[in-house]
N, C-alpha and C. Protein backbone atom coordinates (compact mmCIF):
# COMPACT_ATOMS: atom_id res chain seq x y z
N MET A 1 -97.71 -33.20 -3.86
CA MET A 1 -97.12 -32.78 -3.39
C MET A 1 -97.60 -31.84 -2.23
N ALA A 2 -98.50 -31.17 -2.35
CA ALA A 2 -99.22 -30.35 -1.31
C ALA A 2 -100.48 -30.99 -0.90
N LEU A 3 -101.19 -31.91 -1.73
CA LEU A 3 -101.91 -33.03 -1.21
C LEU A 3 -101.12 -34.17 -0.31
N ALA A 4 -100.45 -34.15 -0.72
CA ALA A 4 -99.12 -34.94 0.56
C ALA A 4 -99.36 -33.89 2.01
N LYS A 5 -99.16 -33.36 1.92
CA LYS A 5 -98.37 -32.81 2.85
C LYS A 5 -100.47 -32.41 3.79
N GLU A 6 -101.11 -31.89 3.05
CA GLU A 6 -102.43 -31.01 3.42
C GLU A 6 -102.90 -32.94 4.48
N CYS A 7 -102.69 -34.12 3.29
CA CYS A 7 -103.02 -34.98 5.14
C CYS A 7 -102.34 -35.28 5.58
N GLU A 8 -101.22 -34.78 5.01
CA GLU A 8 -100.42 -35.00 7.08
C GLU A 8 -100.86 -33.92 7.84
N GLN A 9 -100.65 -32.70 7.11
CA GLN A 9 -101.69 -32.48 8.31
C GLN A 9 -102.66 -32.40 9.05
N ASP A 10 -103.97 -33.57 8.22
CA ASP A 10 -104.88 -33.70 8.72
C ASP A 10 -104.49 -35.55 9.60
N GLY A 11 -103.70 -35.75 9.90
CA GLY A 11 -103.11 -37.19 10.36
C GLY A 11 -103.12 -38.16 9.59
N ARG A 12 -103.63 -38.10 8.54
CA ARG A 12 -103.78 -39.03 7.34
C ARG A 12 -103.04 -39.99 7.51
N VAL A 13 -101.13 -39.01 6.54
CA VAL A 13 -100.10 -39.58 6.59
C VAL A 13 -99.40 -39.57 7.38
N LEU A 14 -97.89 -40.29 6.87
CA LEU A 14 -96.50 -39.28 7.49
C LEU A 14 -95.97 -39.38 6.79
N ILE A 15 -94.93 -38.41 7.05
CA ILE A 15 -94.10 -38.13 6.01
C ILE A 15 -92.87 -38.15 6.53
N LEU A 16 -91.85 -39.27 5.56
CA LEU A 16 -90.39 -39.13 6.73
C LEU A 16 -89.38 -38.89 5.46
N ALA A 17 -88.86 -37.67 5.77
CA ALA A 17 -88.09 -37.41 4.63
C ALA A 17 -86.70 -36.83 5.30
N PRO A 18 -85.92 -36.21 4.33
CA PRO A 18 -84.42 -35.53 5.12
C PRO A 18 -84.90 -34.48 5.39
N GLU A 19 -84.53 -33.22 5.81
CA GLU A 19 -84.70 -32.11 5.94
C GLU A 19 -83.22 -31.48 5.72
N SER A 20 -82.91 -32.06 5.60
CA SER A 20 -81.33 -31.96 4.71
C SER A 20 -81.01 -32.95 4.09
N LEU A 21 -79.76 -32.53 3.01
CA LEU A 21 -79.11 -33.18 2.14
C LEU A 21 -77.70 -33.85 2.80
N TYR A 22 -77.31 -32.73 3.62
CA TYR A 22 -75.97 -33.21 4.67
C TYR A 22 -75.18 -33.21 3.57
N GLY A 23 -75.34 -32.42 2.31
CA GLY A 23 -74.07 -31.95 2.07
C GLY A 23 -74.11 -32.93 0.20
N LEU A 24 -74.74 -33.81 0.49
CA LEU A 24 -74.87 -34.70 -0.90
C LEU A 24 -75.61 -34.54 -1.79
N ASN A 25 -74.96 -34.79 -3.32
CA ASN A 25 -75.79 -35.16 -5.07
C ASN A 25 -75.47 -36.21 -5.50
N THR A 26 -76.42 -36.06 -6.83
CA THR A 26 -76.11 -36.96 -7.02
C THR A 26 -74.94 -37.49 -7.92
N LEU A 27 -73.72 -35.90 -7.43
CA LEU A 27 -72.24 -36.55 -8.49
C LEU A 27 -71.27 -36.80 -7.40
N SER A 28 -71.84 -36.05 -6.05
CA SER A 28 -70.94 -36.62 -4.84
C SER A 28 -71.37 -37.21 -3.64
N LYS A 29 -70.85 -38.17 -3.26
CA LYS A 29 -71.38 -38.64 -1.71
C LYS A 29 -70.58 -39.10 -0.89
N SER A 30 -70.47 -38.11 0.05
CA SER A 30 -69.33 -38.31 1.34
C SER A 30 -69.70 -39.18 2.18
N PHE A 31 -69.28 -40.07 3.17
CA PHE A 31 -69.12 -41.35 3.62
C PHE A 31 -70.25 -40.71 4.59
N GLU A 32 -69.76 -39.12 5.56
CA GLU A 32 -70.48 -38.59 6.28
C GLU A 32 -71.40 -38.18 6.36
N GLY A 33 -71.25 -37.47 4.95
CA GLY A 33 -73.40 -37.12 4.65
C GLY A 33 -73.74 -38.40 4.23
N LEU A 34 -73.35 -39.11 4.10
CA LEU A 34 -74.04 -40.68 4.39
C LEU A 34 -75.08 -41.87 5.19
N GLU A 35 -73.90 -41.42 6.43
CA GLU A 35 -73.92 -41.31 7.02
C GLU A 35 -75.00 -40.77 8.73
N CYS A 36 -74.77 -39.10 8.26
CA CYS A 36 -75.73 -38.32 8.37
C CYS A 36 -77.36 -38.70 8.00
N MET A 37 -76.81 -38.81 7.15
CA MET A 37 -78.72 -38.56 6.67
C MET A 37 -79.42 -40.30 7.46
N TYR A 38 -78.32 -41.18 7.09
CA TYR A 38 -78.81 -42.86 7.53
C TYR A 38 -79.45 -42.30 8.94
N ARG A 39 -78.30 -41.75 10.20
CA ARG A 39 -78.83 -41.42 10.68
C ARG A 39 -80.15 -40.82 11.45
N ALA A 40 -80.12 -39.50 10.36
CA ALA A 40 -81.18 -38.68 10.84
C ALA A 40 -82.60 -39.85 10.18
N GLY A 41 -82.50 -40.72 9.68
CA GLY A 41 -84.39 -41.24 9.37
C GLY A 41 -83.96 -42.27 10.21
N TYR A 42 -82.51 -43.11 10.79
CA TYR A 42 -83.66 -43.68 11.41
C TYR A 42 -84.26 -42.93 12.66
N ALA A 43 -83.40 -41.66 13.06
CA ALA A 43 -84.61 -41.45 14.19
C ALA A 43 -85.27 -40.97 13.74
N ALA A 44 -86.07 -40.75 13.03
CA ALA A 44 -87.04 -40.08 12.12
C ALA A 44 -87.93 -41.32 11.94
N ALA A 45 -87.92 -42.06 12.01
CA ALA A 45 -88.19 -43.38 12.11
C ALA A 45 -89.12 -43.74 13.72
N GLU A 46 -88.66 -43.19 14.06
CA GLU A 46 -89.50 -43.42 15.41
C GLU A 46 -91.36 -43.36 16.08
N ALA A 47 -91.24 -42.37 14.93
CA ALA A 47 -92.51 -41.80 14.93
C ALA A 47 -93.22 -42.54 15.03
N ILE A 48 -92.56 -43.60 13.76
CA ILE A 48 -94.00 -44.39 13.07
C ILE A 48 -94.51 -45.23 14.41
N PRO A 49 -94.53 -45.96 14.93
CA PRO A 49 -94.81 -46.47 16.27
C PRO A 49 -96.06 -45.96 16.44
N ALA A 50 -95.83 -44.63 16.84
CA ALA A 50 -96.92 -44.02 17.83
C ALA A 50 -98.05 -43.47 16.02
N PHE A 51 -97.76 -42.86 15.58
CA PHE A 51 -98.97 -42.34 14.36
C PHE A 51 -99.50 -44.00 14.09
N LEU A 52 -98.45 -45.32 14.11
CA LEU A 52 -99.54 -46.44 13.65
C LEU A 52 -101.07 -46.51 14.45
N LYS A 53 -100.43 -45.89 16.48
CA LYS A 53 -101.31 -45.99 16.80
C LYS A 53 -102.30 -45.20 16.97
N SER A 54 -102.39 -44.47 16.69
CA SER A 54 -103.37 -43.12 16.12
C SER A 54 -104.10 -43.37 15.05
């Protein structure tokens, strides 16, 4: 994990990971939590084209 974060700081990789679990865990999955995580991931993915151009 440390190596991945170091590579991200150097601009060599783009890490897309949720900042919150939105109340989800392995035993409880709510529609609202899944929807929030999906929308956050979709919004985070907007950084991909700019990263690929750099």
